[in-house]
Amino acid sequence: MQVDARGARCPVPVLRLARAVRDLPAGTTAEVLATDPAVQHDVPAWAGMRGHEVLLVAEDAGVWCVRVRTGGRSSAAAAGAPGR
C-alpha cells in the first residue's frame, strides 16, 4: 500500500499513513511518499510508538519514501489503553 502525501506538510503525511494502516493486519507493508523532509523523523517516531518496523527511509529528487511493516499490536494497545 502506498500513501501519497507529496505537497503536504507535517503532521499530514504521518496522519494519512496512520489512517491508512489502522485496520491492516500485522505484517502488511505500507509506504508514504512526501516532500516534507520531516517525514524522515516523524514516521519512524510514530512507527516506534505503534509497534511497527521501519524498513526504508530514502530520498530521491526531493521526494521522501518511508516504508513500514505493521506490527502485531493493535492501535488501542499501542496507545496505552486499559486491558493491555
Protein backbone atom coordinates (compact mmCIF):
# COMPACT_ATOMS: atom_id res chain seq x y z
CA MET A 1 0.00 0.00 0.00
CA GLN A 2 1.21 3.48 -0.80
CA VAL A 3 0.14 6.81 0.67
CA ASP A 4 0.91 9.84 -1.48
CA ALA A 5 1.39 12.86 0.77
CA ARG A 6 3.56 14.88 -1.59
CA GLY A 7 2.97 18.59 -1.07
CA ALA A 8 1.55 18.11 2.45
CA ARG A 9 3.35 19.45 5.49
CA CYS A 10 3.82 17.92 8.93
CA PRO A 11 1.83 16.32 10.51
CA VAL A 12 -0.35 15.43 7.50
CA PRO A 13 1.89 12.69 6.00
CA VAL A 14 2.03 10.78 9.30
CA LEU A 15 -1.71 11.21 9.88
CA ARG A 16 -2.51 9.87 6.39
CA LEU A 17 -0.22 6.87 6.88
CA ALA A 18 -1.68 6.16 10.33
CA ARG A 19 -5.22 6.25 8.95
CA ALA A 20 -4.27 4.01 6.02
CA VAL A 21 -2.73 1.26 8.18
CA ARG A 22 -5.17 1.44 11.09
CA ASP A 23 -7.09 -1.75 10.24
CA LEU A 24 -4.42 -3.63 8.30
CA PRO A 25 -3.17 -6.98 9.60
CA ALA A 26 0.27 -7.33 11.15
CA GLY A 27 3.00 -7.85 8.58
CA THR A 28 1.49 -5.57 5.96
CA THR A 29 3.95 -3.26 4.20
CA ALA A 30 2.97 0.35 3.61
CA GLU A 31 4.87 3.40 2.50
CA VAL A 32 4.37 7.12 2.46
CA LEU A 33 5.75 9.45 -0.20
CA ALA A 34 6.26 13.02 0.95
CA THR A 35 8.12 16.16 0.00
CA ASP A 36 8.32 17.37 3.62
CA PRO A 37 11.71 16.21 4.95
CA ALA A 38 10.22 15.95 8.45
CA VAL A 39 8.83 12.51 7.49
CA GLN A 40 12.32 11.04 7.81
CA HIS A 41 11.99 11.61 11.57
CA ASP A 42 8.23 11.74 12.14
CA VAL A 43 7.28 8.40 10.59
CA PRO A 44 9.97 6.37 12.44
CA ALA A 45 8.93 8.03 15.73
CA TRP A 46 5.26 7.21 15.08
CA ALA A 47 6.13 3.66 13.97
CA GLY A 48 8.10 3.03 17.14
CA MET A 49 5.19 4.17 19.31
CA ARG A 50 2.78 1.91 17.40
CA GLY A 51 4.89 -1.23 17.25
CA HIS A 52 5.63 -1.00 13.51
CA GLU A 53 9.00 -1.69 11.91
CA VAL A 54 10.70 0.87 9.64
CA LEU A 55 12.04 -0.88 6.55
CA LEU A 56 13.27 2.06 4.49
CA VAL A 57 13.91 5.78 4.73
CA ALA A 58 15.13 7.20 1.42
CA GLU A 59 15.07 10.42 -0.58
CA ASP A 60 15.17 10.81 -4.34
CA ALA A 61 14.80 14.12 -6.18
CA GLY A 62 13.16 15.78 -3.19
CA VAL A 63 10.64 13.03 -2.53
CA TRP A 64 10.98 11.03 0.68
CA CYS A 65 9.85 7.43 0.88
CA VAL A 66 9.38 5.83 4.28
CA ARG A 67 8.32 2.18 4.27
CA VAL A 68 7.00 0.37 7.33
CA ARG A 69 5.80 -3.11 8.20
CA THR A 70 2.81 -3.10 10.51
CA GLY A 71 3.33 -4.69 13.89
CA GLY A 72 1.20 -7.02 15.91
CA ARG A 73 -0.01 -4.51 18.46
CA SER A 74 -3.46 -3.04 17.98
CA SER A 75 -3.90 0.72 17.88
CA ALA A 76 -5.62 0.68 21.28
CA ALA A 77 -2.86 -1.37 22.91
CA ALA A 78 -0.14 0.75 21.39
CA ALA A 79 -1.86 3.89 22.63
CA GLY A 80 -1.78 2.60 26.20
CA ALA A 81 -5.45 1.71 26.51
CA PRO A 82 -6.55 -0.36 29.52
CA GLY A 83 -6.51 -4.10 29.09
CA ARG A 84 -3.03 -4.45 27.63
